[in-house]
């Protein structure tokens, strides 16, 4: 436990990681301010001290942070054109989507009206989310098309929508203990790259 009045380094990330562990272990219903601070090993008021809007603001900021990380990884994808295989590069992005806590926590944010409103406002203001990942995948496929590793007749935007939309669907309709969606996305990538 952190002593009172002592600065805690990287407290945002520490609280975010703690929340992910709480949800992974106990499901969405286990997510409370107290559970997060207990898991993080810090004072009970730490979450409210750093997130003035309480648990709703905390959840919204956690979701936005995790989506931003995944979008940043996807933004690097167009620079990978011509390297490895198209399927391997697409699998890297889908794996990041599947392992990111952003989409999982977004489901939780939707159950909390205050968090949901904050999240929607941030997305409307341009915060990165599934749309940013989709744009990066489309740009990557267009770059591969220029290198003739994707067929000239292929529609990069439609292929990106199919891939990212399917990842979104699988994430939002899964539950703890559900079959790993990676195999389904691998099949989709094989089908999409076979069409190209």
C-alpha atoms as a PDB file:
ATOM      1  CA  UNK A   1       0.000   0.000   0.000  1.00  0.00           C
ATOM      2  CA  UNK A   2       1.348   3.427  -0.884  1.00  0.00           C
ATOM      3  CA  UNK A   3       1.789   5.763   2.070  1.00  0.00           C
ATOM      4  CA  UNK A   4      -0.479   8.793   2.133  1.00  0.00           C
ATOM      5  CA  UNK A   5       1.035  11.920   0.557  1.00  0.00           C
ATOM      6  CA  UNK A   6       3.722   9.998  -1.359  1.00  0.00           C
ATOM      7  CA  UNK A   7       3.668  10.326  -5.143  1.00  0.00           C
ATOM      8  CA  UNK A   8       2.914   7.052  -6.923  1.00  0.00           C
ATOM      9  CA  UNK A   9       4.799   6.764 -10.213  1.00  0.00           C
ATOM     10  CA  UNK A  10       2.758   5.891 -13.299  1.00  0.00           C
ATOM     11  CA  UNK A  11      -0.466   5.729 -11.289  1.00  0.00           C
ATOM     12  CA  UNK A  12      -2.740   5.925 -14.341  1.00  0.00           C
ATOM     13  CA  UNK A  13      -1.240   2.816 -15.923  1.00  0.00           C
ATOM     14  CA  UNK A  14      -1.078   1.068 -12.573  1.00  0.00           C
ATOM     15  CA  UNK A  15      -4.807   1.633 -12.028  1.00  0.00           C
ATOM     16  CA  UNK A  16      -5.646   0.685 -15.640  1.00  0.00           C
ATOM     17  CA  UNK A  17      -3.722  -2.603 -15.381  1.00  0.00           C
ATOM     18  CA  UNK A  18      -5.375  -3.322 -12.030  1.00  0.00           C
ATOM     19  CA  UNK A  19      -8.841  -2.775 -13.544  1.00  0.00           C
ATOM     20  CA  UNK A  20      -8.043  -5.198 -16.365  1.00  0.00           C
ATOM     21  CA  UNK A  21      -7.016  -7.863 -13.846  1.00  0.00           C
ATOM     22  CA  UNK A  22     -10.152  -7.264 -11.759  1.00  0.00           C
ATOM     23  CA  UNK A  23     -12.404  -7.695 -14.803  1.00  0.00           C
ATOM     24  CA  UNK A  24     -10.456 -10.713 -16.099  1.00  0.00           C
ATOM     25  CA  UNK A  25     -10.798 -12.423 -12.742  1.00  0.00           C
ATOM     26  CA  UNK A  26     -14.294 -11.405 -11.657  1.00  0.00           C
ATOM     27  CA  UNK A  27     -16.105 -10.152 -14.746  1.00  0.00           C
ATOM     28  CA  UNK A  28     -17.647  -6.712 -15.292  1.00  0.00           C
ATOM     29  CA  UNK A  29     -19.641  -6.797 -12.055  1.00  0.00           C
ATOM     30  CA  UNK A  30     -16.419  -6.929 -10.041  1.00  0.00           C
ATOM     31  CA  UNK A  31     -15.259  -3.536 -11.304  1.00  0.00           C
ATOM     32  CA  UNK A  32     -15.535  -1.055  -8.440  1.00  0.00           C
ATOM     33  CA  UNK A  33     -13.285   1.787  -7.333  1.00  0.00           C
ATOM     34  CA  UNK A  34     -12.331  -0.153  -4.226  1.00  0.00           C
ATOM     35  CA  UNK A  35     -11.552  -3.346  -6.176  1.00  0.00           C
ATOM     36  CA  UNK A  36      -9.293  -1.386  -8.550  1.00  0.00           C
ATOM     37  CA  UNK A  37      -7.376   0.442  -5.826  1.00  0.00           C
ATOM     38  CA  UNK A  38      -7.034  -2.745  -3.744  1.00  0.00           C
ATOM     39  CA  UNK A  39      -5.681  -4.572  -6.799  1.00  0.00           C
ATOM     40  CA  UNK A  40      -3.306  -1.693  -7.559  1.00  0.00           C
ATOM     41  CA  UNK A  41      -2.122  -1.630  -3.938  1.00  0.00           C
ATOM     42  CA  UNK A  42      -2.809   2.054  -3.466  1.00  0.00           C
ATOM     43  CA  UNK A  43      -4.962   4.257  -1.258  1.00  0.00           C
ATOM     44  CA  UNK A  44      -8.724   4.017  -1.709  1.00  0.00           C
ATOM     45  CA  UNK A  45      -9.081   7.634  -2.841  1.00  0.00           C
ATOM     46  CA  UNK A  46      -6.334   7.404  -5.462  1.00  0.00           C
ATOM     47  CA  UNK A  47      -8.717   6.646  -8.325  1.00  0.00           C
ATOM     48  CA  UNK A  48     -10.966   9.591  -7.491  1.00  0.00           C
ATOM     49  CA  UNK A  49      -7.964  11.869  -6.987  1.00  0.00           C
ATOM     50  CA  UNK A  50      -6.765  11.183 -10.552  1.00  0.00           C
ATOM     51  CA  UNK A  51     -10.162  10.834 -12.220  1.00  0.00           C
ATOM     52  CA  UNK A  52     -12.447  13.606 -10.998  1.00  0.00           C
ATOM     53  CA  UNK A  53     -15.455  11.999 -12.668  1.00  0.00           C
ATOM     54  CA  UNK A  54     -14.976   8.863 -10.558  1.00  0.00           C
ATOM     55  CA  UNK A  55     -15.341   5.361 -11.894  1.00  0.00           C
ATOM     56  CA  UNK A  56     -17.202   6.473 -15.043  1.00  0.00           C
ATOM     57  CA  UNK A  57     -14.387   8.796 -16.098  1.00  0.00           C
ATOM     58  CA  UNK A  58     -11.824   6.150 -15.162  1.00  0.00           C
ATOM     59  CA  UNK A  59     -13.503   3.482 -17.326  1.00  0.00           C
ATOM     60  CA  UNK A  60     -13.867   5.885 -20.268  1.00  0.00           C
ATOM     61  CA  UNK A  61     -10.199   6.911 -20.033  1.00  0.00           C
ATOM     62  CA  UNK A  62      -9.088   3.275 -19.781  1.00  0.00           C
ATOM     63  CA  UNK A  63     -11.043   2.360 -22.933  1.00  0.00           C
ATOM     64  CA  UNK A  64      -9.695   5.375 -24.822  1.00  0.00           C
ATOM     65  CA  UNK A  65      -6.117   4.623 -23.749  1.00  0.00           C
ATOM     66  CA  UNK A  66      -6.301   1.002 -24.900  1.00  0.00           C
ATOM     67  CA  UNK A  67      -7.926   1.905 -28.212  1.00  0.00           C
ATOM     68  CA  UNK A  68      -5.230   4.542 -28.792  1.00  0.00           C
ATOM     69  CA  UNK A  69      -2.515   1.929 -28.283  1.00  0.00           C
ATOM     70  CA  UNK A  70      -4.112  -0.464 -30.761  1.00  0.00           C
ATOM     71  CA  UNK A  71      -4.679   2.342 -33.288  1.00  0.00           C
ATOM     72  CA  UNK A  72      -1.012   3.385 -32.968  1.00  0.00           C
ATOM     73  CA  UNK A  73       0.082  -0.175 -33.736  1.00  0.00           C
ATOM     74  CA  UNK A  74      -2.277  -0.322 -36.714  1.00  0.00           C
ATOM     75  CA  UNK A  75      -0.951   3.032 -37.968  1.00  0.00           C
ATOM     76  CA  UNK A  76       2.446   1.368 -38.458  1.00  0.00           C
ATOM     77  CA  UNK A  77       0.910  -1.271 -40.734  1.00  0.00           C
ATOM     78  CA  UNK A  78       1.188   0.656 -44.054  1.00  0.00           C
ATOM     79  CA  UNK A  79       4.958   0.875 -43.536  1.00  0.00           C
ATOM     80  CA  UNK A  80       5.077  -2.939 -43.437  1.00  0.00           C
ATOM     81  CA  UNK A  81       3.889  -3.212 -47.054  1.00  0.00           C
ATOM     82  CA  UNK A  82       6.184  -5.566 -48.941  1.00  0.00           C
ATOM     83  CA  UNK A  83       7.435  -7.239 -45.762  1.00  0.00           C
ATOM     84  CA  UNK A  84       6.471 -10.728 -44.577  1.00  0.00           C
ATOM     85  CA  UNK A  85       3.133 -11.871 -45.981  1.00  0.00           C
ATOM     86  CA  UNK A  86      -0.079  -9.886 -46.265  1.00  0.00           C
ATOM     87  CA  UNK A  87      -1.800 -12.499 -44.067  1.00  0.00           C
ATOM     88  CA  UNK A  88       0.885 -12.264 -41.358  1.00  0.00           C
ATOM     89  CA  UNK A  89       0.699  -8.473 -41.298  1.00  0.00           C
ATOM     90  CA  UNK A  90      -3.094  -8.515 -41.019  1.00  0.00           C
ATOM     91  CA  UNK A  91      -2.880 -11.147 -38.273  1.00  0.00           C
ATOM     92  CA  UNK A  92      -0.640  -8.799 -36.263  1.00  0.00           C
ATOM     93  CA  UNK A  93      -3.363  -6.161 -36.195  1.00  0.00           C
ATOM     94  CA  UNK A  94      -6.202  -8.564 -35.450  1.00  0.00           C
ATOM     95  CA  UNK A  95      -4.169 -10.107 -32.629  1.00  0.00           C
ATOM     96  CA  UNK A  96      -3.653  -6.625 -31.176  1.00  0.00           C
ATOM     97  CA  UNK A  97      -7.402  -6.018 -31.350  1.00  0.00           C
ATOM     98  CA  UNK A  98      -8.159  -9.324 -29.667  1.00  0.00           C
ATOM     99  CA  UNK A  99      -5.652  -8.864 -26.870  1.00  0.00           C
ATOM    100  CA  UNK A 100      -6.296  -5.175 -26.246  1.00  0.00           C
ATOM    101  CA  UNK A 101      -8.425  -4.415 -23.240  1.00  0.00           C
ATOM    102  CA  UNK A 102     -10.017  -1.475 -25.073  1.00  0.00           C
ATOM    103  CA  UNK A 103     -12.769  -3.430 -26.816  1.00  0.00           C
ATOM    104  CA  UNK A 104     -13.434  -5.572 -23.741  1.00  0.00           C
ATOM    105  CA  UNK A 105     -13.625  -2.533 -21.502  1.00  0.00           C
ATOM    106  CA  UNK A 106     -15.762  -0.741 -24.110  1.00  0.00           C
ATOM    107  CA  UNK A 107     -18.423  -3.354 -23.430  1.00  0.00           C
ATOM    108  CA  UNK A 108     -18.248  -2.408 -19.761  1.00  0.00           C
ATOM    109  CA  UNK A 109     -18.375   1.291 -20.609  1.00  0.00           C
ATOM    110  CA  UNK A 110     -21.613   0.676 -22.482  1.00  0.00           C
ATOM    111  CA  UNK A 111     -23.217  -0.598 -19.269  1.00  0.00           C
ATOM    112  CA  UNK A 112     -22.263   2.568 -17.383  1.00  0.00           C
ATOM    113  CA  UNK A 113     -24.185   5.560 -18.814  1.00  0.00           C
ATOM    114  CA  UNK A 114     -21.660   8.126 -17.555  1.00  0.00           C
ATOM    115  CA  UNK A 115     -18.691   6.239 -19.000  1.00  0.00           C
ATOM    116  CA  UNK A 116     -20.558   5.583 -22.234  1.00  0.00           C
ATOM    117  CA  UNK A 117     -21.342   9.281 -22.719  1.00  0.00           C
ATOM    118  CA  UNK A 118     -17.721  10.269 -22.080  1.00  0.00           C
ATOM    119  CA  UNK A 119     -16.481   7.575 -24.465  1.00  0.00           C
ATOM    120  CA  UNK A 120     -18.957   8.584 -27.221  1.00  0.00           C
ATOM    121  CA  UNK A 121     -18.005  12.264 -26.860  1.00  0.00           C
ATOM    122  CA  UNK A 122     -14.310  11.430 -27.158  1.00  0.00           C
ATOM    123  CA  UNK A 123     -14.899   9.240 -30.207  1.00  0.00           C
ATOM    124  CA  UNK A 124     -16.994  11.991 -31.833  1.00  0.00           C
ATOM    125  CA  UNK A 125     -14.142  14.410 -31.165  1.00  0.00           C
ATOM    126  CA  UNK A 126     -11.737  12.162 -33.070  1.00  0.00           C
ATOM    127  CA  UNK A 127     -10.261   9.802 -30.472  1.00  0.00           C
ATOM    128  CA  UNK A 128      -8.915   6.679 -32.175  1.00  0.00           C
ATOM    129  CA  UNK A 129     -11.060   3.562 -32.176  1.00  0.00           C
ATOM    130  CA  UNK A 130     -12.126   0.865 -34.599  1.00  0.00           C
ATOM    131  CA  UNK A 131     -12.493   3.449 -37.402  1.00  0.00           C
ATOM    132  CA  UNK A 132      -8.827   4.475 -37.065  1.00  0.00           C
ATOM    133  CA  UNK A 133      -7.731   0.830 -37.174  1.00  0.00           C
ATOM    134  CA  UNK A 134      -9.932   0.255 -40.232  1.00  0.00           C
ATOM    135  CA  UNK A 135      -8.386   3.255 -42.024  1.00  0.00           C
ATOM    136  CA  UNK A 136      -4.881   1.935 -41.321  1.00  0.00           C
ATOM    137  CA  UNK A 137      -5.758  -1.545 -42.587  1.00  0.00           C
ATOM    138  CA  UNK A 138      -7.248  -0.033 -45.772  1.00  0.00           C
ATOM    139  CA  UNK A 139      -4.126   2.111 -46.288  1.00  0.00           C
ATOM    140  CA  UNK A 140      -1.948  -0.953 -45.788  1.00  0.00           C
ATOM    141  CA  UNK A 141      -3.923  -3.013 -48.300  1.00  0.00           C
ATOM    142  CA  UNK A 142      -3.768  -0.148 -50.826  1.00  0.00           C
ATOM    143  CA  UNK A 143       0.017  -0.008 -50.343  1.00  0.00           C
ATOM    144  CA  UNK A 144       0.238  -3.770 -50.935  1.00  0.00           C
ATOM    145  CA  UNK A 145      -1.958  -3.312 -53.995  1.00  0.00           C
ATOM    146  CA  UNK A 146       0.575  -0.842 -55.425  1.00  0.00           C
ATOM    147  CA  UNK A 147       3.268  -3.496 -54.848  1.00  0.00           C
ATOM    148  CA  UNK A 148       1.027  -6.032 -56.652  1.00  0.00           C
ATOM    149  CA  UNK A 149       0.797  -8.249 -53.552  1.00  0.00           C
ATOM    150  CA  UNK A 150      -2.948  -7.522 -53.453  1.00  0.00           C
ATOM    151  CA  UNK A 151      -4.945  -7.854 -56.673  1.00  0.00           C
ATOM    152  CA  UNK A 152      -5.709  -4.687 -58.614  1.00  0.00           C
ATOM    153  CA  UNK A 153      -9.457  -5.456 -58.539  1.00  0.00           C
ATOM    154  CA  UNK A 154      -9.553  -5.771 -54.730  1.00  0.00           C
ATOM    155  CA  UNK A 155     -11.341  -3.085 -52.703  1.00  0.00           C
ATOM    156  CA  UNK A 156      -9.018  -2.215 -49.768  1.00  0.00           C
ATOM    157  CA  UNK A 157     -11.723  -0.280 -47.900  1.00  0.00           C
ATOM    158  CA  UNK A 158     -14.234  -3.140 -48.120  1.00  0.00           C
ATOM    159  CA  UNK A 159     -11.623  -5.707 -47.088  1.00  0.00           C
ATOM    160  CA  UNK A 160     -10.610  -3.540 -44.111  1.00  0.00           C
ATOM    161  CA  UNK A 161     -14.258  -3.152 -43.103  1.00  0.00           C
ATOM    162  CA  UNK A 162     -14.770  -6.924 -43.282  1.00  0.00           C
ATOM    163  CA  UNK A 163     -11.721  -7.631 -41.138  1.00  0.00           C
ATOM    164  CA  UNK A 164     -12.129  -4.919 -38.498  1.00  0.00           C
ATOM    165  CA  UNK A 165     -15.913  -5.297 -38.417  1.00  0.00           C
ATOM    166  CA  UNK A 166     -15.578  -9.023 -37.795  1.00  0.00           C
ATOM    167  CA  UNK A 167     -13.022  -8.435 -35.038  1.00  0.00           C
ATOM    168  CA  UNK A 168     -15.437  -5.934 -33.467  1.00  0.00           C
ATOM    169  CA  UNK A 169     -18.313  -8.418 -33.693  1.00  0.00           C
ATOM    170  CA  UNK A 170     -16.283 -11.247 -32.165  1.00  0.00           C
ATOM    171  CA  UNK A 171     -15.076  -9.061 -29.317  1.00  0.00           C
ATOM    172  CA  UNK A 172     -18.457  -7.590 -28.496  1.00  0.00           C
ATOM    173  CA  UNK A 173     -20.285 -10.911 -28.561  1.00  0.00           C
ATOM    174  CA  UNK A 174     -17.782 -12.995 -26.627  1.00  0.00           C
ATOM    175  CA  UNK A 175     -17.946 -13.884 -22.953  1.00  0.00           C
ATOM    176  CA  UNK A 176     -15.482 -15.258 -20.388  1.00  0.00           C
ATOM    177  CA  UNK A 177     -14.716 -18.843 -21.337  1.00  0.00           C
ATOM    178  CA  UNK A 178     -15.944 -18.414 -24.936  1.00  0.00           C
ATOM    179  CA  UNK A 179     -13.906 -20.059 -27.692  1.00  0.00           C
ATOM    180  CA  UNK A 180     -10.858 -18.068 -28.741  1.00  0.00           C
ATOM    181  CA  UNK A 181     -11.892 -15.919 -31.729  1.00  0.00           C
ATOM    182  CA  UNK A 182      -8.356 -15.995 -33.203  1.00  0.00           C
ATOM    183  CA  UNK A 183      -9.120 -19.091 -35.276  1.00  0.00           C
ATOM    184  CA  UNK A 184     -12.161 -17.424 -36.854  1.00  0.00           C
ATOM    185  CA  UNK A 185     -10.154 -14.313 -37.708  1.00  0.00           C
ATOM    186  CA  UNK A 186      -7.343 -16.445 -39.152  1.00  0.00           C
ATOM    187  CA  UNK A 187      -9.916 -18.141 -41.410  1.00  0.00           C
ATOM    188  CA  UNK A 188     -11.262 -14.746 -42.478  1.00  0.00           C
ATOM    189  CA  UNK A 189      -7.753 -13.443 -43.226  1.00  0.00           C
ATOM    190  CA  UNK A 190      -7.066 -16.553 -45.330  1.00  0.00           C
ATOM    191  CA  UNK A 191     -10.330 -16.026 -47.214  1.00  0.00           C
ATOM    192  CA  UNK A 192      -9.699 -12.310 -47.739  1.00  0.00           C
ATOM    193  CA  UNK A 193      -6.130 -12.747 -48.888  1.00  0.00           C
ATOM    194  CA  UNK A 194      -7.286 -15.581 -51.139  1.00  0.00           C
ATOM    195  CA  UNK A 195      -9.705 -13.160 -52.808  1.00  0.00           C
ATOM    196  CA  UNK A 196      -6.979 -10.647 -53.407  1.00  0.00           C
END
